[in-house]
Amino acid sequence: MTHVFTLEEARDLMPRVQAMTRPVFELATSLSRELKEVEDRREEDRAEELRDRLQALVTTWADAIRDLGPEVKGLWLVDFDSGDGYWCWSYPEEDLRHWHSYEGGYGERVTVEHRPNAQG
């Protein structure tokens, strides 16, 4: 069952979400650079190993975030169910400042202050 978060509850989790995301993002960025170099040299065995490591890294990150209660909607994109949509955060944003409807998605985010029927 999905946990419904008030804005305060979601923001209280943000330091943990950010602390879990930052080092994984940095490692994934490094592995991605290495993968590009390996692909450019056409070292397919090494490239496959790096792809597997990247996939495992992202999967582990997403599982750890979900264990906290929010949903992972994309790479470095975390949504907290608000009961009428989602409080929406994307790395490297410093704070949880956006909301979007269930139907709207990331592209239709609005600032928390402009959320329809804002309740917090």
Protein backbone atom coordinates (compact mmCIF):
# COMPACT_ATOMS: atom_id res chain seq x y z
CA MET A 1 0.00 0.00 0.00
CA THR A 2 1.23 3.46 -0.90
CA HIS A 3 2.07 5.83 1.91
CA VAL A 4 0.51 9.29 1.62
CA PHE A 5 2.91 12.05 2.71
CA THR A 6 2.19 15.52 3.97
CA LEU A 7 4.66 18.05 2.59
CA GLU A 8 6.32 18.18 6.01
CA GLU A 9 6.73 14.38 6.15
CA ALA A 10 8.19 14.31 2.65
CA ARG A 11 10.58 17.15 3.43
CA ASP A 12 11.65 15.39 6.63
CA LEU A 13 12.80 12.45 4.48
CA MET A 14 14.68 14.62 2.01
CA PRO A 15 18.05 14.63 3.84
CA ARG A 16 18.07 10.82 3.70
CA VAL A 17 16.95 10.74 0.06
CA GLN A 18 19.65 13.25 -0.88
CA ALA A 19 22.33 11.46 1.15
CA MET A 20 21.44 8.20 -0.62
CA THR A 21 21.27 9.79 -4.07
CA ARG A 22 24.35 12.04 -4.19
CA PRO A 23 27.08 9.34 -3.95
CA VAL A 24 25.20 6.97 -6.25
CA PHE A 25 24.76 9.74 -8.83
CA GLU A 26 28.47 10.58 -8.65
CA LEU A 27 29.50 6.93 -9.05
CA ALA A 28 27.03 6.43 -11.91
CA THR A 29 28.41 9.53 -13.64
CA SER A 30 31.95 8.19 -13.32
CA LEU A 31 30.93 4.75 -14.59
CA SER A 32 29.06 6.35 -17.51
CA ARG A 33 32.15 8.30 -18.54
CA GLU A 34 34.23 5.15 -18.36
CA LEU A 35 31.60 3.26 -20.35
CA LYS A 36 31.68 5.86 -23.12
CA GLU A 37 35.47 5.61 -23.34
CA VAL A 38 35.33 1.81 -23.42
CA GLU A 39 32.61 1.86 -26.09
CA ASP A 40 34.69 4.29 -28.16
CA ARG A 41 37.54 1.78 -28.01
CA ARG A 42 35.08 -1.00 -28.90
CA GLU A 43 35.93 -3.07 -25.83
CA GLU A 44 32.61 -4.87 -25.74
CA ASP A 45 33.33 -7.25 -22.84
CA ARG A 46 34.37 -4.38 -20.57
CA ALA A 47 31.45 -2.27 -21.82
CA GLU A 48 29.00 -5.03 -20.93
CA GLU A 49 30.52 -5.30 -17.45
CA LEU A 50 30.14 -1.54 -16.94
CA ARG A 51 26.53 -1.60 -18.18
CA ASP A 52 25.77 -4.37 -15.69
CA ARG A 53 27.40 -2.39 -12.87
CA LEU A 54 25.43 0.73 -13.78
CA GLN A 55 22.16 -1.20 -13.90
CA ALA A 56 22.84 -2.83 -10.52
CA LEU A 57 23.79 0.52 -9.00
CA VAL A 58 20.61 2.25 -10.19
CA THR A 59 18.41 -0.70 -9.19
CA THR A 60 19.92 -0.77 -5.71
CA TRP A 61 19.41 3.00 -5.34
CA ALA A 62 15.78 2.78 -6.51
CA ASP A 63 15.04 -0.12 -4.14
CA ALA A 64 16.56 1.78 -1.20
CA ILE A 65 14.48 4.88 -1.98
CA ARG A 66 11.29 2.80 -2.28
CA ASP A 67 12.07 1.22 1.09
CA LEU A 68 11.70 4.71 2.60
CA GLY A 69 8.18 5.06 1.16
CA PRO A 70 8.44 7.32 -1.91
CA GLU A 71 8.18 6.15 -5.49
CA VAL A 72 11.00 6.26 -8.04
CA LYS A 73 9.64 7.60 -11.31
CA GLY A 74 12.87 7.84 -13.26
CA LEU A 75 16.58 8.20 -12.98
CA TRP A 76 17.21 10.41 -9.91
CA LEU A 77 13.50 11.31 -9.82
CA VAL A 78 11.57 10.71 -6.59
CA ASP A 79 7.85 11.25 -6.00
CA PHE A 80 6.02 11.27 -2.67
CA ASP A 81 2.29 10.52 -2.92
CA SER A 82 0.40 13.55 -1.58
CA GLY A 83 -3.06 11.99 -1.80
CA ASP A 84 -3.96 14.05 -4.86
CA GLY A 85 -0.72 13.93 -6.80
CA TYR A 86 2.97 13.86 -5.97
CA TRP A 87 5.51 16.00 -4.17
CA CYS A 88 8.26 15.75 -6.78
CA TRP A 89 12.04 15.93 -6.39
CA SER A 90 14.81 15.48 -8.92
CA TYR A 91 18.52 15.36 -8.19
CA PRO A 92 20.32 17.78 -7.75
CA GLU A 93 17.49 19.98 -6.48
CA GLU A 94 18.28 21.20 -2.99
CA ASP A 95 14.76 21.02 -1.58
CA LEU A 96 11.37 19.51 -2.24
CA ARG A 97 9.63 22.41 -3.97
CA HIS A 98 7.40 20.88 -6.64
CA TRP A 99 4.13 19.04 -6.99
CA HIS A 100 2.31 17.47 -9.93
CA SER A 101 -0.98 15.68 -10.44
CA TYR A 102 -1.17 11.92 -10.87
CA GLU A 103 -1.88 12.41 -14.56
CA GLY A 104 0.44 15.34 -15.18
CA GLY A 105 3.86 13.96 -14.48
CA TYR A 106 7.20 15.72 -14.25
CA GLY A 107 6.57 17.96 -17.25
CA GLU A 108 3.61 19.57 -15.52
CA ARG A 109 5.21 20.24 -12.16
CA VAL A 110 4.27 23.41 -10.33
CA THR A 111 5.83 24.93 -7.26
CA VAL A 112 4.27 23.79 -4.02
CA GLU A 113 2.76 27.24 -3.55
CA HIS A 114 0.88 26.91 -6.86
CA ARG A 115 -0.53 23.47 -6.15
CA PRO A 116 -4.30 23.40 -6.76
CA ASN A 117 -6.24 23.11 -3.50
CA ALA A 118 -2.98 23.38 -1.57
CA GLN A 119 -3.28 21.67 1.78
CA GLY A 120 0.35 20.80 2.65
